[in-house]
Amino acid sequence: MERLFDWLASLSHLYVIDIIRSAALVLLLVVVRTMVMRAISANPNVPLEVRRRWSISLRNGLVILGLIGMVTIWAKQLETIALSMVAFAAALVVATKELFMCVGGSLIRTTSNSFDLGDHIEIANLRGRVVDINLFSTTIMEIGPRHDAHQLTGRAVSFPNSLLLSHPVVRENYMGDYVVHVTTVAVPYSVPPAQAERLLKAAAEEACAPHVQAARQHMERIAARHLVDTPSVEPRIAIFPIDDKRYNLILRISIPAKDRHRVEQAILHQFMCRCFPEKAVEQ
């Protein structure tokens, strides 16, 4: 019994310094985060989106520093455990495969700059606005419910960053403040295609007129900065037959990203009213 107490005493003496160092590191990181967060919150002149970005970057950076510090402090003990428990380490790697894949996906996102906070993305049938990013997962505010809808549903969706290793990411607002928006309108053959095309184009030109010049300048800057081909900003319409009863009008417009839903609805309302006018009702 005395030997057991002596062994426990020697063991605690060996690890007491490392425990103190670990506690000091955690306390230092907590103090730094608290002070920086207070400084960020106390600056109302900085936009909310920028402050949120700083907060997430600070949190992720402190987590990485904490992990590096812990590994450095306990390096000798970890080395001893790794050498004496090779089989356990192998099993641990297999068990934590998903975590390593999540970290790998996060690394790919960072190096390729595939998306960032505030971007509208689509991945693996998930579509929304990015509101949080960490080493293991990404959280988006869902946009939908259908693929052609552009309103927030109020639901937050989190997905593991491992999806970035196996699924492509669609970044809807890659071109910045102005985006190329495509909408599809199904029309019956009772309305002649030429007439429907003319009415839809007139409604689109009227709704997009305030944005055409600014959109053209924005696309020219994007083309010069990224050396890419940018589409025309004037409304374009394509006709595709579906069956013997209806056909599709594919409308492409360049509008502000934040006004996609409003402009689209304005165009559709005006087109519907002109294409299918209300019949007079006798009193």
C-alpha atoms as a PDB file:
ATOM      1  CA  MET A   1       0.000   0.000   0.000  1.00  0.00           C
ATOM      2  CA  GLU A   2       2.828   2.347   0.832  1.00  0.00           C
ATOM      3  CA  ARG A   3       4.444   1.595  -2.525  1.00  0.00           C
ATOM      4  CA  LEU A   4       1.209   2.585  -4.280  1.00  0.00           C
ATOM      5  CA  PHE A   5       1.104   5.933  -2.466  1.00  0.00           C
ATOM      6  CA  ASP A   6       4.787   6.511  -3.237  1.00  0.00           C
ATOM      7  CA  TRP A   7       4.162   5.773  -6.922  1.00  0.00           C
ATOM      8  CA  LEU A   8       1.182   8.152  -7.040  1.00  0.00           C
ATOM      9  CA  ALA A   9       3.231  10.858  -5.309  1.00  0.00           C
ATOM     10  CA  SER A  10       6.091  10.517  -7.798  1.00  0.00           C
ATOM     11  CA  LEU A  11       3.601  10.489 -10.686  1.00  0.00           C
ATOM     12  CA  SER A  12       1.917  13.673  -9.516  1.00  0.00           C
ATOM     13  CA  HIS A  13       5.316  15.298  -9.041  1.00  0.00           C
ATOM     14  CA  LEU A  14       6.251  14.456 -12.639  1.00  0.00           C
ATOM     15  CA  TYR A  15       3.101  15.946 -14.133  1.00  0.00           C
ATOM     16  CA  VAL A  16       2.466  18.868 -11.790  1.00  0.00           C
ATOM     17  CA  ILE A  17       4.623  21.250 -13.840  1.00  0.00           C
ATOM     18  CA  ASP A  18       2.905  20.259 -17.099  1.00  0.00           C
ATOM     19  CA  ILE A  19      -0.504  20.633 -15.495  1.00  0.00           C
ATOM     20  CA  ILE A  20       0.398  24.131 -14.275  1.00  0.00           C
ATOM     21  CA  ARG A  21       1.660  25.073 -17.730  1.00  0.00           C
ATOM     22  CA  SER A  22      -1.503  23.764 -19.357  1.00  0.00           C
ATOM     23  CA  ALA A  23      -3.719  25.680 -16.945  1.00  0.00           C
ATOM     24  CA  ALA A  24      -1.689  28.844 -17.503  1.00  0.00           C
ATOM     25  CA  LEU A  25      -2.015  28.433 -21.281  1.00  0.00           C
ATOM     26  CA  VAL A  26      -5.786  27.984 -21.093  1.00  0.00           C
ATOM     27  CA  LEU A  27      -6.120  30.980 -18.766  1.00  0.00           C
ATOM     28  CA  LEU A  28      -3.978  33.128 -21.084  1.00  0.00           C
ATOM     29  CA  LEU A  29      -6.066  32.194 -24.141  1.00  0.00           C
ATOM     30  CA  VAL A  30      -9.320  32.916 -22.294  1.00  0.00           C
ATOM     31  CA  VAL A  31      -8.041  36.319 -21.149  1.00  0.00           C
ATOM     32  CA  VAL A  32      -6.833  37.216 -24.645  1.00  0.00           C
ATOM     33  CA  ARG A  33     -10.149  36.198 -26.220  1.00  0.00           C
ATOM     34  CA  THR A  34     -12.162  38.139 -23.638  1.00  0.00           C
ATOM     35  CA  MET A  35     -10.110  41.311 -24.092  1.00  0.00           C
ATOM     36  CA  VAL A  36     -10.141  41.175 -27.889  1.00  0.00           C
ATOM     37  CA  MET A  37     -13.884  40.387 -28.019  1.00  0.00           C
ATOM     38  CA  ARG A  38     -14.596  43.374 -25.777  1.00  0.00           C
ATOM     39  CA  ALA A  39     -12.511  45.581 -28.063  1.00  0.00           C
ATOM     40  CA  ILE A  40     -14.372  44.301 -31.128  1.00  0.00           C
ATOM     41  CA  SER A  41     -17.811  44.707 -29.522  1.00  0.00           C
ATOM     42  CA  ALA A  42     -16.978  48.204 -28.286  1.00  0.00           C
ATOM     43  CA  ASN A  43     -16.354  49.481 -31.827  1.00  0.00           C
ATOM     44  CA  PRO A  44     -19.792  50.239 -33.328  1.00  0.00           C
ATOM     45  CA  ASN A  45     -18.251  51.887 -36.392  1.00  0.00           C
ATOM     46  CA  VAL A  46     -17.159  48.518 -37.746  1.00  0.00           C
ATOM     47  CA  PRO A  47     -19.948  46.712 -39.686  1.00  0.00           C
ATOM     48  CA  LEU A  48     -21.567  43.739 -37.995  1.00  0.00           C
ATOM     49  CA  GLU A  49     -20.411  41.364 -40.748  1.00  0.00           C
ATOM     50  CA  VAL A  50     -16.772  42.438 -40.251  1.00  0.00           C
ATOM     51  CA  ARG A  51     -16.997  42.054 -36.471  1.00  0.00           C
ATOM     52  CA  ARG A  52     -18.487  38.583 -36.892  1.00  0.00           C
ATOM     53  CA  ARG A  53     -15.656  37.650 -39.247  1.00  0.00           C
ATOM     54  CA  TRP A  54     -13.059  38.892 -36.734  1.00  0.00           C
ATOM     55  CA  SER A  55     -14.748  36.960 -33.932  1.00  0.00           C
ATOM     56  CA  ILE A  56     -14.727  33.671 -35.860  1.00  0.00           C
ATOM     57  CA  SER A  57     -11.128  34.153 -37.000  1.00  0.00           C
ATOM     58  CA  LEU A  58     -10.062  34.934 -33.425  1.00  0.00           C
ATOM     59  CA  ARG A  59     -11.820  31.850 -32.055  1.00  0.00           C
ATOM     60  CA  ASN A  60     -10.349  29.519 -34.652  1.00  0.00           C
ATOM     61  CA  GLY A  61      -6.868  30.999 -34.238  1.00  0.00           C
ATOM     62  CA  LEU A  62      -6.922  30.611 -30.448  1.00  0.00           C
ATOM     63  CA  VAL A  63      -8.121  27.016 -30.762  1.00  0.00           C
ATOM     64  CA  ILE A  64      -5.191  26.232 -33.065  1.00  0.00           C
ATOM     65  CA  LEU A  65      -2.735  27.963 -30.713  1.00  0.00           C
ATOM     66  CA  GLY A  66      -4.195  26.058 -27.775  1.00  0.00           C
ATOM     67  CA  LEU A  67      -3.799  22.710 -29.556  1.00  0.00           C
ATOM     68  CA  ILE A  68      -0.220  23.519 -30.554  1.00  0.00           C
ATOM     69  CA  GLY A  69       0.589  24.636 -27.001  1.00  0.00           C
ATOM     70  CA  MET A  70      -0.888  21.501 -25.447  1.00  0.00           C
ATOM     71  CA  VAL A  71       1.026  19.254 -27.838  1.00  0.00           C
ATOM     72  CA  THR A  72       4.240  21.143 -27.050  1.00  0.00           C
ATOM     73  CA  ILE A  73       3.725  20.940 -23.293  1.00  0.00           C
ATOM     74  CA  TRP A  74       2.850  17.253 -23.254  1.00  0.00           C
ATOM     75  CA  ALA A  75       5.214  16.224 -26.071  1.00  0.00           C
ATOM     76  CA  LYS A  76       7.338  13.854 -23.958  1.00  0.00           C
ATOM     77  CA  GLN A  77       4.326  12.160 -22.415  1.00  0.00           C
ATOM     78  CA  LEU A  78       2.638  11.855 -25.800  1.00  0.00           C
ATOM     79  CA  GLU A  79       5.771  10.343 -27.275  1.00  0.00           C
ATOM     80  CA  THR A  80       5.939   7.774 -24.477  1.00  0.00           C
ATOM     81  CA  ILE A  81       2.279   6.890 -24.902  1.00  0.00           C
ATOM     82  CA  ALA A  82       2.635   6.646 -28.683  1.00  0.00           C
ATOM     83  CA  LEU A  83       5.617   4.306 -28.431  1.00  0.00           C
ATOM     84  CA  SER A  84       3.964   2.057 -25.882  1.00  0.00           C
ATOM     85  CA  MET A  85       0.559   1.993 -27.544  1.00  0.00           C
ATOM     86  CA  VAL A  86       1.193   1.695 -31.282  1.00  0.00           C
ATOM     87  CA  ALA A  87      -1.813  -0.522 -31.830  1.00  0.00           C
ATOM     88  CA  PHE A  88      -4.043   1.876 -29.914  1.00  0.00           C
ATOM     89  CA  ALA A  89      -2.740   4.788 -31.970  1.00  0.00           C
ATOM     90  CA  ALA A  90      -3.538   2.939 -35.200  1.00  0.00           C
ATOM     91  CA  ALA A  91      -7.046   2.201 -33.989  1.00  0.00           C
ATOM     92  CA  LEU A  92      -7.419   5.840 -32.934  1.00  0.00           C
ATOM     93  CA  VAL A  93      -6.453   7.030 -36.398  1.00  0.00           C
ATOM     94  CA  VAL A  94      -9.075   4.772 -37.952  1.00  0.00           C
ATOM     95  CA  ALA A  95     -11.692   5.936 -35.447  1.00  0.00           C
ATOM     96  CA  THR A  96     -10.911   9.610 -36.037  1.00  0.00           C
ATOM     97  CA  LYS A  97     -10.724   9.339 -39.814  1.00  0.00           C
ATOM     98  CA  GLU A  98     -13.745  11.597 -40.242  1.00  0.00           C
ATOM     99  CA  LEU A  99     -12.178  14.279 -38.037  1.00  0.00           C
ATOM    100  CA  PHE A 100      -8.979  14.228 -40.097  1.00  0.00           C
ATOM    101  CA  MET A 101     -11.056  14.482 -43.266  1.00  0.00           C
ATOM    102  CA  CYS A 102     -12.895  17.477 -41.798  1.00  0.00           C
ATOM    103  CA  VAL A 103      -9.583  19.192 -41.032  1.00  0.00           C
ATOM    104  CA  GLY A 104      -8.380  18.344 -44.548  1.00  0.00           C
ATOM    105  CA  GLY A 105     -11.525  19.845 -46.047  1.00  0.00           C
ATOM    106  CA  SER A 106     -11.026  22.984 -43.979  1.00  0.00           C
ATOM    107  CA  LEU A 107      -7.431  23.221 -45.229  1.00  0.00           C
ATOM    108  CA  ILE A 108      -8.585  22.877 -48.848  1.00  0.00           C
ATOM    109  CA  ARG A 109     -11.213  25.584 -48.324  1.00  0.00           C
ATOM    110  CA  THR A 110      -8.602  27.943 -46.885  1.00  0.00           C
ATOM    111  CA  THR A 111      -5.933  27.361 -49.528  1.00  0.00           C
ATOM    112  CA  SER A 112      -8.304  27.432 -52.511  1.00  0.00           C
ATOM    113  CA  ASN A 113     -10.480  30.265 -51.143  1.00  0.00           C
ATOM    114  CA  SER A 114     -13.534  28.351 -52.367  1.00  0.00           C
ATOM    115  CA  PHE A 115     -15.882  30.337 -50.103  1.00  0.00           C
ATOM    116  CA  ASP A 116     -15.829  32.617 -47.102  1.00  0.00           C
ATOM    117  CA  LEU A 117     -18.119  34.054 -44.464  1.00  0.00           C
ATOM    118  CA  GLY A 118     -21.193  35.682 -46.024  1.00  0.00           C
ATOM    119  CA  ASP A 119     -20.964  33.820 -49.365  1.00  0.00           C
ATOM    120  CA  HIS A 120     -23.966  32.059 -50.883  1.00  0.00           C
ATOM    121  CA  ILE A 121     -22.956  28.482 -51.626  1.00  0.00           C
ATOM    122  CA  GLU A 122     -24.452  25.164 -52.678  1.00  0.00           C
ATOM    123  CA  ILE A 123     -22.927  21.797 -51.813  1.00  0.00           C
ATOM    124  CA  ALA A 124     -24.455  18.298 -51.742  1.00  0.00           C
ATOM    125  CA  ASN A 125     -28.021  19.650 -52.212  1.00  0.00           C
ATOM    126  CA  LEU A 126     -27.467  22.138 -49.364  1.00  0.00           C
ATOM    127  CA  ARG A 127     -27.851  25.796 -50.280  1.00  0.00           C
ATOM    128  CA  GLY A 128     -27.520  28.870 -48.109  1.00  0.00           C
ATOM    129  CA  ARG A 129     -25.523  31.800 -46.751  1.00  0.00           C
ATOM    130  CA  VAL A 130     -22.370  30.960 -44.782  1.00  0.00           C
ATOM    131  CA  VAL A 131     -22.599  32.270 -41.202  1.00  0.00           C
ATOM    132  CA  ASP A 132     -19.964  30.206 -39.366  1.00  0.00           C
ATOM    133  CA  ILE A 133     -16.798  28.284 -40.262  1.00  0.00           C
ATOM    134  CA  ASN A 134     -14.528  26.240 -38.002  1.00  0.00           C
ATOM    135  CA  LEU A 135     -12.019  23.410 -38.388  1.00  0.00           C
ATOM    136  CA  PHE A 136     -14.619  20.666 -38.503  1.00  0.00           C
ATOM    137  CA  SER A 137     -17.896  22.077 -39.841  1.00  0.00           C
ATOM    138  CA  THR A 138     -19.573  24.928 -41.684  1.00  0.00           C
ATOM    139  CA  THR A 139     -22.950  26.449 -40.822  1.00  0.00           C
ATOM    140  CA  ILE A 140     -25.236  28.048 -43.391  1.00  0.00           C
ATOM    141  CA  MET A 141     -28.590  29.795 -43.184  1.00  0.00           C
ATOM    142  CA  GLU A 142     -30.706  27.778 -45.595  1.00  0.00           C
ATOM    143  CA  ILE A 143     -32.100  29.408 -48.739  1.00  0.00           C
ATOM    144  CA  GLY A 144     -35.087  27.794 -50.355  1.00  0.00           C
ATOM    145  CA  PRO A 145     -37.196  25.772 -50.027  1.00  0.00           C
ATOM    146  CA  ARG A 146     -36.855  25.175 -53.785  1.00  0.00           C
ATOM    147  CA  HIS A 147     -33.683  25.535 -55.788  1.00  0.00           C
ATOM    148  CA  ASP A 148     -35.030  28.554 -57.667  1.00  0.00           C
ATOM    149  CA  ALA A 149     -36.073  30.363 -54.455  1.00  0.00           C
ATOM    150  CA  HIS A 150     -33.882  33.081 -52.953  1.00  0.00           C
ATOM    151  CA  GLN A 151     -35.369  33.651 -49.501  1.00  0.00           C
ATOM    152  CA  LEU A 152     -34.041  32.501 -46.133  1.00  0.00           C
ATOM    153  CA  THR A 153     -36.090  29.657 -44.657  1.00  0.00           C
ATOM    154  CA  GLY A 154     -35.010  30.480 -41.079  1.00  0.00           C
ATOM    155  CA  ARG A 155     -33.240  27.129 -40.642  1.00  0.00           C
ATOM    156  CA  ALA A 156     -29.526  26.745 -39.921  1.00  0.00           C
ATOM    157  CA  VAL A 157     -27.782  23.776 -41.537  1.00  0.00           C
ATOM    158  CA  SER A 158     -24.367  22.494 -40.432  1.00  0.00           C
ATOM    159  CA  PHE A 159     -22.344  20.105 -42.575  1.00  0.00           C
ATOM    160  CA  PRO A 160     -18.913  18.512 -41.950  1.00  0.00           C
ATOM    161  CA  ASN A 161     -16.013  19.984 -43.871  1.00  0.00           C
ATOM    162  CA  SER A 162     -15.223  16.474 -45.140  1.00  0.00           C
ATOM    163  CA  LEU A 163     -17.881  17.111 -47.814  1.00  0.00           C
ATOM    164  CA  LEU A 164     -15.432  19.530 -49.422  1.00  0.00           C
ATOM    165  CA  LEU A 165     -13.215  16.547 -50.303  1.00  0.00           C
ATOM    166  CA  SER A 166     -15.893  14.733 -52.299  1.00  0.00           C
ATOM    167  CA  HIS A 167     -18.426  17.331 -53.508  1.00  0.00           C
ATOM    168  CA  PRO A 168     -18.026  20.437 -55.660  1.00  0.00           C
ATOM    169  CA  VAL A 169     -18.907  23.802 -54.148  1.00  0.00           C
ATOM    170  CA  VAL A 170     -21.044  26.238 -56.124  1.00  0.00           C
ATOM    171  CA  ARG A 171     -20.416  29.848 -55.119  1.00  0.00           C
ATOM    172  CA  GLU A 172     -23.401  31.842 -56.305  1.00  0.00           C
ATOM    173  CA  ASN A 173     -22.021  35.315 -55.546  1.00  0.00           C
ATOM    174  CA  TYR A 174     -18.540  34.790 -57.028  1.00  0.00           C
ATOM    175  CA  MET A 175     -18.860  38.008 -59.034  1.00  0.00           C
ATOM    176  CA  GLY A 176     -19.493  40.091 -55.954  1.00  0.00           C
ATOM    177  CA  ASP A 177     -22.206  42.706 -55.616  1.00  0.00           C
ATOM    178  CA  TYR A 178     -23.744  41.980 -59.042  1.00  0.00           C
ATOM    179  CA  VAL A 179     -24.613  38.453 -60.159  1.00  0.00           C
ATOM    180  CA  VAL A 180     -25.943  36.782 -63.280  1.00  0.00           C
ATOM    181  CA  HIS A 181     -29.374  35.470 -62.387  1.00  0.00           C
ATOM    182  CA  VAL A 182     -31.295  32.889 -64.421  1.00  0.00           C
ATOM    183  CA  THR A 183     -34.999  32.166 -64.025  1.00  0.00           C
ATOM    184  CA  THR A 184     -37.303  29.834 -65.939  1.00  0.00           C
ATOM    185  CA  VAL A 185     -40.889  30.653 -66.915  1.00  0.00           C
ATOM    186  CA  ALA A 186     -43.227  27.922 -68.214  1.00  0.00           C
ATOM    187  CA  VAL A 187     -45.773  29.236 -70.734  1.00  0.00           C
ATOM    188  CA  PRO A 188     -48.630  27.363 -72.495  1.00  0.00           C
ATOM    189  CA  TYR A 189     -48.781  27.317 -76.287  1.00  0.00           C
ATOM    190  CA  SER A 190     -51.995  29.343 -76.092  1.00  0.00           C
ATOM    191  CA  VAL A 191     -49.627  32.300 -75.785  1.00  0.00           C
ATOM    192  CA  PRO A 192     -47.508  32.608 -78.971  1.00  0.00           C
ATOM    193  CA  PRO A 193     -43.793  32.238 -78.183  1.00  0.00           C
ATOM    194  CA  ALA A 194     -42.868  35.460 -79.970  1.00  0.00           C
ATOM    195  CA  GLN A 195     -45.434  37.400 -77.949  1.00  0.00           C
ATOM    196  CA  ALA A 196     -44.345  35.827 -74.664  1.00  0.00           C
ATOM    197  CA  GLU A 197     -40.686  36.504 -75.428  1.00  0.00           C
ATOM    198  CA  ARG A 198     -41.439  40.146 -76.276  1.00  0.00           C
ATOM    199  CA  LEU A 199     -43.475  40.694 -73.099  1.00  0.00           C
ATOM    200  CA  LEU A 200     -40.909  39.017 -70.840  1.00  0.00           C
ATOM    201  CA  LYS A 201     -38.030  40.949 -72.366  1.00  0.00           C
ATOM    202  CA  ALA A 202     -39.886  44.250 -71.963  1.00  0.00           C
ATOM    203  CA  ALA A 203     -40.615  43.490 -68.303  1.00  0.00           C
ATOM    204  CA  ALA A 204     -36.977  42.490 -67.696  1.00  0.00           C
ATOM    205  CA  GLU A 205     -35.557  45.576 -69.381  1.00  0.00           C
ATOM    206  CA  GLU A 206     -37.869  47.828 -67.368  1.00  0.00           C
ATOM    207  CA  ALA A 207     -36.998  46.189 -64.035  1.00  0.00           C
ATOM    208  CA  CYS A 208     -33.239  46.014 -64.746  1.00  0.00           C
ATOM    209  CA  ALA A 209     -32.852  49.473 -66.300  1.00  0.00           C
ATOM    210  CA  PRO A 210     -31.634  51.129 -63.036  1.00  0.00           C
ATOM    211  CA  HIS A 211     -28.889  48.493 -62.653  1.00  0.00           C
ATOM    212  CA  VAL A 212     -27.577  47.977 -66.196  1.00  0.00           C
ATOM    213  CA  GLN A 213     -24.879  50.649 -66.204  1.00  0.00           C
ATOM    214  CA  ALA A 214     -23.551  49.793 -62.742  1.00  0.00           C
ATOM    215  CA  ALA A 215     -23.634  46.079 -63.580  1.00  0.00           C
ATOM    216  CA  ARG A 216     -21.686  46.667 -66.811  1.00  0.00           C
ATOM    217  CA  GLN A 217     -18.956  48.591 -64.977  1.00  0.00           C
ATOM    218  CA  HIS A 218     -18.799  45.924 -62.278  1.00  0.00           C
ATOM    219  CA  MET A 219     -18.434  43.114 -64.836  1.00  0.00           C
ATOM    220  CA  GLU A 220     -15.652  45.024 -66.605  1.00  0.00           C
ATOM    221  CA  ARG A 221     -13.756  45.316 -63.305  1.00  0.00           C
ATOM    222  CA  ILE A 222     -14.234  41.592 -62.619  1.00  0.00           C
ATOM    223  CA  ALA A 223     -12.966  40.697 -66.092  1.00  0.00           C
ATOM    224  CA  ALA A 224      -9.861  42.884 -65.689  1.00  0.00           C
ATOM    225  CA  ARG A 225      -9.104  41.665 -62.150  1.00  0.00           C
ATOM    226  CA  HIS A 226      -9.611  37.916 -62.606  1.00  0.00           C
ATOM    227  CA  LEU A 227      -8.930  37.651 -66.364  1.00  0.00           C
ATOM    228  CA  VAL A 228     -12.207  35.853 -66.994  1.00  0.00           C
ATOM    229  CA  ASP A 229     -14.957  36.256 -69.578  1.00  0.00           C
ATOM    230  CA  THR A 230     -18.049  37.920 -68.152  1.00  0.00           C
ATOM    231  CA  PRO A 231     -21.530  37.659 -69.694  1.00  0.00           C
ATOM    232  CA  SER A 232     -23.485  40.510 -71.180  1.00  0.00           C
ATOM    233  CA  VAL A 233     -25.526  42.478 -68.656  1.00  0.00           C
ATOM    234  CA  GLU A 234     -28.505  43.086 -70.961  1.00  0.00           C
ATOM    235  CA  PRO A 235     -31.463  40.720 -70.458  1.00  0.00           C
ATOM    236  CA  ARG A 236     -31.269  37.631 -72.671  1.00  0.00           C
ATOM    237  CA  ILE A 237     -34.066  35.114 -73.354  1.00  0.00           C
ATOM    238  CA  ALA A 238     -33.892  31.580 -74.751  1.00  0.00           C
ATOM    239  CA  ILE A 239     -36.879  29.386 -75.726  1.00  0.00           C
ATOM    240  CA  PHE A 240     -36.970  25.630 -75.081  1.00  0.00           C
ATOM    241  CA  PRO A 241     -39.988  23.402 -75.866  1.00  0.00           C
ATOM    242  CA  ILE A 242     -41.049  20.992 -73.104  1.00  0.00           C
ATOM    243  CA  ASP A 243     -43.964  19.064 -74.604  1.00  0.00           C
ATOM    244  CA  ASP A 244     -46.983  19.685 -76.827  1.00  0.00           C
ATOM    245  CA  LYS A 245     -48.656  21.854 -74.177  1.00  0.00           C
ATOM    246  CA  ARG A 246     -46.012  24.271 -72.938  1.00  0.00           C
ATOM    247  CA  TYR A 247     -42.536  25.685 -73.461  1.00  0.00           C
ATOM    248  CA  ASN A 248     -39.930  27.358 -71.245  1.00  0.00           C
ATOM    249  CA  LEU A 249     -38.596  30.893 -71.440  1.00  0.00           C
ATOM    250  CA  ILE A 250     -35.098  31.022 -69.907  1.00  0.00           C
ATOM    251  CA  LEU A 251     -34.379  34.580 -68.757  1.00  0.00           C
ATOM    252  CA  ARG A 252     -30.854  35.734 -67.859  1.00  0.00           C
ATOM    253  CA  ILE A 253     -30.291  39.101 -66.174  1.00  0.00           C
ATOM    254  CA  SER A 254     -27.514  40.902 -64.270  1.00  0.00           C
ATOM    255  CA  ILE A 255     -28.743  42.451 -61.027  1.00  0.00           C
ATOM    256  CA  PRO A 256     -27.516  43.241 -57.498  1.00  0.00           C
ATOM    257  CA  ALA A 257     -27.058  40.035 -55.502  1.00  0.00           C
ATOM    258  CA  LYS A 258     -29.127  41.324 -52.595  1.00  0.00           C
ATOM    259  CA  ASP A 259     -32.077  42.228 -54.885  1.00  0.00           C
ATOM    260  CA  ARG A 260     -32.382  38.944 -56.801  1.00  0.00           C
ATOM    261  CA  HIS A 261     -35.704  37.933 -55.291  1.00  0.00           C
ATOM    262  CA  ARG A 262     -37.253  41.402 -55.497  1.00  0.00           C
ATOM    263  CA  VAL A 263     -36.265  42.023 -59.137  1.00  0.00           C
ATOM    264  CA  GLU A 264     -37.272  38.518 -60.207  1.00  0.00           C
ATOM    265  CA  GLN A 265     -40.702  38.872 -58.628  1.00  0.00           C
ATOM    266  CA  ALA A 266     -41.190  42.313 -60.188  1.00  0.00           C
ATOM    267  CA  ILE A 267     -40.422  40.882 -63.637  1.00  0.00           C
ATOM    268  CA  LEU A 268     -42.692  37.868 -63.184  1.00  0.00           C
ATOM    269  CA  HIS A 269     -45.590  39.921 -61.831  1.00  0.00           C
ATOM    270  CA  GLN A 270     -45.390  42.368 -64.710  1.00  0.00           C
ATOM    271  CA  PHE A 271     -45.058  39.564 -67.287  1.00  0.00           C
ATOM    272  CA  MET A 272     -48.004  37.617 -65.860  1.00  0.00           C
ATOM    273  CA  CYS A 273     -50.226  40.694 -65.754  1.00  0.00           C
ATOM    274  CA  ARG A 274     -49.456  41.534 -69.386  1.00  0.00           C
ATOM    275  CA  CYS A 275     -49.528  37.968 -70.668  1.00  0.00           C
ATOM    276  CA  PHE A 276     -52.651  36.893 -68.792  1.00  0.00           C
ATOM    277  CA  PRO A 277     -54.727  40.056 -68.168  1.00  0.00           C
ATOM    278  CA  GLU A 278     -57.668  39.822 -65.815  1.00  0.00           C
ATOM    279  CA  LYS A 279     -61.016  39.564 -67.539  1.00  0.00           C
ATOM    280  CA  ALA A 280     -63.612  42.186 -66.814  1.00  0.00           C
ATOM    281  CA  VAL A 281     -66.244  40.953 -64.370  1.00  0.00           C
ATOM    282  CA  GLU A 282     -69.792  42.189 -64.835  1.00  0.00           C
ATOM    283  CA  GLN A 283     -71.268  43.905 -61.809  1.00  0.00           C
END
